C-alpha atoms as a PDB file:
ATOM      1  CA  MET A   1     117.831 101.025  84.629  1.00  0.00           C
ATOM      2  CA  GLU A   2     119.721 100.560  87.898  1.00  0.00           C
ATOM      3  CA  ASN A   3     118.146 103.777  89.147  1.00  0.00           C
ATOM      4  CA  GLY A   4     114.980 101.945  90.145  1.00  0.00           C
ATOM      5  CA  THR A   5     112.809 103.009  87.219  1.00  0.00           C
ATOM      6  CA  SER A   6     111.723  99.442  86.453  1.00  0.00           C
ATOM      7  CA  GLY A   7     108.522  99.778  88.437  1.00  0.00           C
ATOM      8  CA  ILE A   8     109.476  96.822  90.628  1.00  0.00           C
ATOM      9  CA  VAL A   9     109.265  97.773  94.278  1.00  0.00           C
ATOM     10  CA  PRO A  10     110.416  94.742  96.233  1.00  0.00           C
ATOM     11  CA  GLU A  11     109.232  93.882  99.707  1.00  0.00           C
ATOM     12  CA  ILE A  12     112.349  94.096 101.894  1.00  0.00           C
ATOM     13  CA  ARG A  13     112.264  92.471 105.313  1.00  0.00           C
ATOM     14  CA  LEU A  14     114.457  90.795 107.897  1.00  0.00           C
ATOM     15  CA  LEU A  15     115.174  87.116 107.534  1.00  0.00           C
ATOM     16  CA  THR A  16     113.035  84.979 109.833  1.00  0.00           C
ATOM     17  CA  GLY A  17     113.358  81.431 111.111  1.00  0.00           C
ATOM     18  CA  ASN A  18     110.798  80.374 108.510  1.00  0.00           C
ATOM     19  CA  ASP A  19     112.881  81.493 105.535  1.00  0.00           C
ATOM     20  CA  ASP A  20     114.460  78.868 103.302  1.00  0.00           C
ATOM     21  CA  ILE A  21     118.265  78.991 103.727  1.00  0.00           C
ATOM     22  CA  SER A  22     118.679  76.529 100.875  1.00  0.00           C
ATOM     23  CA  ALA A  23     116.812  78.873  98.512  1.00  0.00           C
ATOM     24  CA  LEU A  24     118.899  81.809  99.756  1.00  0.00           C
ATOM     25  CA  THR A  25     122.142  79.875  99.223  1.00  0.00           C
ATOM     26  CA  ASP A  26     121.057  78.831  95.721  1.00  0.00           C
ATOM     27  CA  MET A  27     120.190  82.432  94.825  1.00  0.00           C
ATOM     28  CA  LEU A  28     123.624  83.565  96.059  1.00  0.00           C
ATOM     29  CA  HIS A  29     125.269  80.940  93.839  1.00  0.00           C
ATOM     30  CA  ARG A  30     123.287  82.126  90.793  1.00  0.00           C
ATOM     31  CA  ALA A  31     124.033  85.786  91.464  1.00  0.00           C
ATOM     32  CA  TYR A  32     127.778  85.215  91.929  1.00  0.00           C
ATOM     33  CA  ARG A  33     128.154  82.681  89.089  1.00  0.00           C
ATOM     34  CA  PRO A  34     129.208  85.279  86.459  1.00  0.00           C
ATOM     35  CA  LEU A  35     131.984  86.475  88.774  1.00  0.00           C
ATOM     36  CA  ALA A  36     133.102  82.887  89.393  1.00  0.00           C
ATOM     37  CA  GLU A  37     133.133  82.295  85.626  1.00  0.00           C
ATOM     38  CA  GLN A  38     135.527  85.259  85.367  1.00  0.00           C
ATOM     39  CA  GLY A  39     137.848  83.530  87.846  1.00  0.00           C
ATOM     40  CA  MET A  40     136.848  85.370  91.042  1.00  0.00           C
ATOM     41  CA  ARG A  41     136.122  82.938  93.848  1.00  0.00           C
ATOM     42  CA  PHE A  42     133.737  84.954  96.026  1.00  0.00           C
ATOM     43  CA  ILE A  43     132.622  82.913  99.056  1.00  0.00           C
ATOM     44  CA  ALA A  44     128.983  83.363  98.028  1.00  0.00           C
ATOM     45  CA  SER A  45     129.678  81.674  94.685  1.00  0.00           C
ATOM     46  CA  HIS A  46     130.182  78.282  96.323  1.00  0.00           C
ATOM     47  CA  GLN A  47     129.272  78.429 100.027  1.00  0.00           C
ATOM     48  CA  ASP A  48     127.174  75.714 101.633  1.00  0.00           C
ATOM     49  CA  GLU A  49     124.061  76.312 103.740  1.00  0.00           C
ATOM     50  CA  GLN A  50     126.048  76.181 106.994  1.00  0.00           C
ATOM     51  CA  THR A  51     128.286  78.995 105.716  1.00  0.00           C
ATOM     52  CA  THR A  52     125.218  81.007 104.696  1.00  0.00           C
ATOM     53  CA  ARG A  53     123.812  80.600 108.217  1.00  0.00           C
ATOM     54  CA  ARG A  54     127.139  81.566 109.809  1.00  0.00           C
ATOM     55  CA  ARG A  55     127.483  84.671 107.660  1.00  0.00           C
ATOM     56  CA  ILE A  56     123.937  85.904 108.312  1.00  0.00           C
ATOM     57  CA  ALA A  57     124.395  85.289 112.052  1.00  0.00           C
ATOM     58  CA  HIS A  58     126.958  88.133 112.055  1.00  0.00           C
ATOM     59  CA  GLY A  59     124.359  90.776 111.294  1.00  0.00           C
ATOM     60  CA  GLU A  60     120.882  91.663 110.150  1.00  0.00           C
ATOM     61  CA  CYS A  61     120.053  89.744 106.985  1.00  0.00           C
ATOM     62  CA  TYR A  62     117.483  91.402 104.749  1.00  0.00           C
ATOM     63  CA  LEU A  63     115.649  89.636 101.956  1.00  0.00           C
ATOM     64  CA  ALA A  64     113.955  91.215  98.953  1.00  0.00           C
ATOM     65  CA  PHE A  65     110.860  89.616  97.445  1.00  0.00           C
ATOM     66  CA  HIS A  66     108.816  90.269  94.325  1.00  0.00           C
ATOM     67  CA  GLN A  67     105.443  88.548  94.003  1.00  0.00           C
ATOM     68  CA  GLY A  68     106.503  86.138  96.750  1.00  0.00           C
ATOM     69  CA  ALA A  69     109.776  85.119  95.095  1.00  0.00           C
ATOM     70  CA  LEU A  70     113.177  85.788  96.690  1.00  0.00           C
ATOM     71  CA  ILE A  71     115.048  88.211  94.440  1.00  0.00           C
ATOM     72  CA  GLY A  72     117.780  89.684  96.631  1.00  0.00           C
ATOM     73  CA  THR A  73     119.622  89.815  99.918  1.00  0.00           C
ATOM     74  CA  ILE A  74     122.041  91.933 101.917  1.00  0.00           C
ATOM     75  CA  THR A  75     123.484  91.534 105.422  1.00  0.00           C
ATOM     76  CA  LEU A  76     124.328  94.513 107.634  1.00  0.00           C
ATOM     77  CA  SER A  77     127.021  93.765 110.208  1.00  0.00           C
ATOM     78  CA  ASP A  78     127.587  96.019 113.212  1.00  0.00           C
ATOM     79  CA  ALA A  79     130.991  97.551 113.837  1.00  0.00           C
ATOM     80  CA  SER A  80     131.620  94.952 116.554  1.00  0.00           C
ATOM     81  CA  LYS A  81     131.382  92.218 113.871  1.00  0.00           C
ATOM     82  CA  THR A  82     133.431  94.071 111.241  1.00  0.00           C
ATOM     83  CA  ASN A  83     137.152  93.373 111.231  1.00  0.00           C
ATOM     84  CA  GLY A  84     140.166  92.127 109.334  1.00  0.00           C
ATOM     85  CA  SER A  85     141.815  95.314 108.089  1.00  0.00           C
ATOM     86  CA  PRO A  86     142.863  98.659 109.571  1.00  0.00           C
ATOM     87  CA  TRP A  87     139.663 100.322 108.303  1.00  0.00           C
ATOM     88  CA  LEU A  88     137.296  97.492 109.198  1.00  0.00           C
ATOM     89  CA  ASP A  89     138.857  97.196 112.676  1.00  0.00           C
ATOM     90  CA  ARG A  90     137.691 100.722 113.539  1.00  0.00           C
ATOM     91  CA  PRO A  91     134.928 100.872 116.168  1.00  0.00           C
ATOM     92  CA  ASP A  92     132.856 103.305 114.057  1.00  0.00           C
ATOM     93  CA  VAL A  93     132.793 101.220 110.861  1.00  0.00           C
ATOM     94  CA  ALA A  94     129.979  98.771 110.113  1.00  0.00           C
ATOM     95  CA  CYS A  95     129.726  96.888 106.829  1.00  0.00           C
ATOM     96  CA  PHE A  96     127.385  95.101 104.496  1.00  0.00           C
ATOM     97  CA  LYS A  97     128.144  91.802 102.847  1.00  0.00           C
ATOM     98  CA  GLN A  98     126.572  88.788 101.212  1.00  0.00           C
ATOM     99  CA  PHE A  99     124.820  91.210  98.876  1.00  0.00           C
ATOM    100  CA  ALA A 100     123.150  89.691  95.824  1.00  0.00           C
ATOM    101  CA  VAL A 101     120.280  90.109  93.398  1.00  0.00           C
ATOM    102  CA  GLU A 102     118.731  87.281  91.393  1.00  0.00           C
ATOM    103  CA  PRO A 103     120.279  87.550  87.888  1.00  0.00           C
ATOM    104  CA  SER A 104     116.959  88.069  86.084  1.00  0.00           C
ATOM    105  CA  PHE A 105     116.267  91.055  88.401  1.00  0.00           C
ATOM    106  CA  GLN A 106     119.670  92.718  88.097  1.00  0.00           C
ATOM    107  CA  ARG A 107     119.908  96.201  86.608  1.00  0.00           C
ATOM    108  CA  LEU A 108     116.352  97.013  87.694  1.00  0.00           C
ATOM    109  CA  GLY A 109     117.209  99.017  90.815  1.00  0.00           C
ATOM    110  CA  ILE A 110     116.753  96.155  93.299  1.00  0.00           C
ATOM    111  CA  GLY A 111     120.387  96.316  94.458  1.00  0.00           C
ATOM    112  CA  SER A 112     120.157 100.077  94.911  1.00  0.00           C
ATOM    113  CA  ARG A 113     117.035  99.636  97.023  1.00  0.00           C
ATOM    114  CA  LEU A 114     118.745  97.012  99.202  1.00  0.00           C
ATOM    115  CA  ILE A 115     121.752  99.273  99.758  1.00  0.00           C
ATOM    116  CA  ALA A 116     119.492 102.253 100.552  1.00  0.00           C
ATOM    117  CA  HIS A 117     117.652 100.043 103.041  1.00  0.00           C
ATOM    118  CA  VAL A 118     120.808  99.103 104.955  1.00  0.00           C
ATOM    119  CA  GLU A 119     122.071 102.678 104.798  1.00  0.00           C
ATOM    120  CA  ARG A 120     118.864 103.858 106.499  1.00  0.00           C
ATOM    121  CA  ARG A 121     119.194 101.078 109.065  1.00  0.00           C
ATOM    122  CA  ALA A 122     122.855 101.981 109.658  1.00  0.00           C
ATOM    123  CA  ALA A 123     121.833 105.614 110.226  1.00  0.00           C
ATOM    124  CA  GLU A 124     119.211 104.459 112.764  1.00  0.00           C
ATOM    125  CA  LYS A 125     121.995 102.578 114.546  1.00  0.00           C
ATOM    126  CA  ARG A 126     124.165 105.718 114.476  1.00  0.00           C
ATOM    127  CA  VAL A 127     126.848 104.096 112.324  1.00  0.00           C
ATOM    128  CA  VAL A 128     129.475 106.618 111.246  1.00  0.00           C
ATOM    129  CA  GLU A 129     130.860 104.724 108.240  1.00  0.00           C
ATOM    130  CA  LEU A 130     129.355 101.886 106.242  1.00  0.00           C
ATOM    131  CA  ALA A 131     131.919  99.771 104.414  1.00  0.00           C
ATOM    132  CA  LEU A 132     131.997  96.885 101.962  1.00  0.00           C
ATOM    133  CA  ASP A 133     134.608  94.924 100.116  1.00  0.00           C
ATOM    134  CA  THR A 134     134.648  93.538  96.614  1.00  0.00           C
ATOM    135  CA  ALA A 135     137.118  92.023  94.167  1.00  0.00           C
ATOM    136  CA  GLU A 136     139.571  94.425  92.599  1.00  0.00           C
ATOM    137  CA  PRO A 137     138.994  92.859  89.131  1.00  0.00           C
ATOM    138  CA  ALA A 138     135.216  93.457  89.453  1.00  0.00           C
ATOM    139  CA  THR A 139     135.475  96.990  88.107  1.00  0.00           C
ATOM    140  CA  HIS A 140     131.751  97.119  87.290  1.00  0.00           C
ATOM    141  CA  LEU A 141     130.971  96.538  90.996  1.00  0.00           C
ATOM    142  CA  ILE A 142     133.483  99.165  92.088  1.00  0.00           C
ATOM    143  CA  GLN A 143     131.769 101.603  89.708  1.00  0.00           C
ATOM    144  CA  PHE A 144     128.327 100.567  91.025  1.00  0.00           C
ATOM    145  CA  TYR A 145     129.392 101.395  94.598  1.00  0.00           C
ATOM    146  CA  SER A 146     131.246 104.580  93.597  1.00  0.00           C
ATOM    147  CA  VAL A 147     128.126 106.011  91.969  1.00  0.00           C
ATOM    148  CA  ARG A 148     126.348 105.477  95.314  1.00  0.00           C
ATOM    149  CA  GLY A 149     128.931 107.512  97.217  1.00  0.00           C
ATOM    150  CA  TYR A 150     131.316 104.769  98.355  1.00  0.00           C
ATOM    151  CA  ARG A 151     134.986 105.688  98.152  1.00  0.00           C
ATOM    152  CA  PHE A 152     138.163 103.639  98.017  1.00  0.00           C
ATOM    153  CA  ILE A 153     139.773 103.034 101.417  1.00  0.00           C
ATOM    154  CA  GLU A 154     142.327 100.232 101.134  1.00  0.00           C
ATOM    155  CA  TYR A 155     143.242  96.899  99.620  1.00  0.00           C
ATOM    156  CA  VAL A 156     142.986  93.650 101.597  1.00  0.00           C
ATOM    157  CA  ARG A 157     144.065  90.091 100.865  1.00  0.00           C
ATOM    158  CA  TRP A 158     141.552  87.677 102.424  1.00  0.00           C
ATOM    159  CA  ALA A 159     142.718  84.071 102.766  1.00  0.00           C
ATOM    160  CA  SER A 160     139.266  82.797 101.746  1.00  0.00           C
ATOM    161  CA  VAL A 161     139.271  84.322  98.230  1.00  0.00           C
ATOM    162  CA  ASN A 162     141.642  84.284  95.255  1.00  0.00           C
ATOM    163  CA  TYR A 163     141.784  88.021  94.508  1.00  0.00           C
ATOM    164  CA  ARG A 164     142.816  91.269  96.139  1.00  0.00           C
ATOM    165  CA  SER A 165     139.823  93.010  97.677  1.00  0.00           C
ATOM    166  CA  VAL A 166     138.953  96.675  97.546  1.00  0.00           C
ATOM    167  CA  VAL A 167     137.485  98.089 100.761  1.00  0.00           C
ATOM    168  CA  MET A 168     135.117 100.987 100.103  1.00  0.00           C
ATOM    169  CA  SER A 169     133.212 103.108 102.589  1.00  0.00           C
ATOM    170  CA  LYS A 170     130.592 105.835 102.858  1.00  0.00           C
ATOM    171  CA  ARG A 171     129.983 108.288 105.685  1.00  0.00           C
ATOM    172  CA  ILE A 172     126.490 107.632 107.068  1.00  0.00           C
ATOM    173  CA  SER A 173     126.142 109.880 110.112  1.00  0.00           C
END
């Protein structure tokens, strides 16, 4: 049901100063827990509130709500804030990160709606390529992104995680 047929249409909006960073951090931990239990130490699986704030400061953080409850997030970072590999160092490549959906709302199309939202925003900003990275062992995530038009670009070893990352990208404009 990842195609959005669940009937849930979340409210998606930019993070504001009134939003609860603690609640956001806790939701990230819940969403990334299954990956951590598989041995993948994504930053979002254990980050503190200060790290959440630092990561959202590098872009536009969008939150998804259903009936007033936080159910998802995604952060779009401009090309000037995207770096660390040959592809991500390019001046025409933006990225999204810190992407998560509350576990009880996964597989209902919420993640697809969040990605579509940042793709539209990236197009408004005249981004050429929109990239992401994920853990190589997370084959279900690689498939999720591939179905949405993201293609393999390169592998990267980040010092902050315990796996090899797969950088994927999609032409936006």
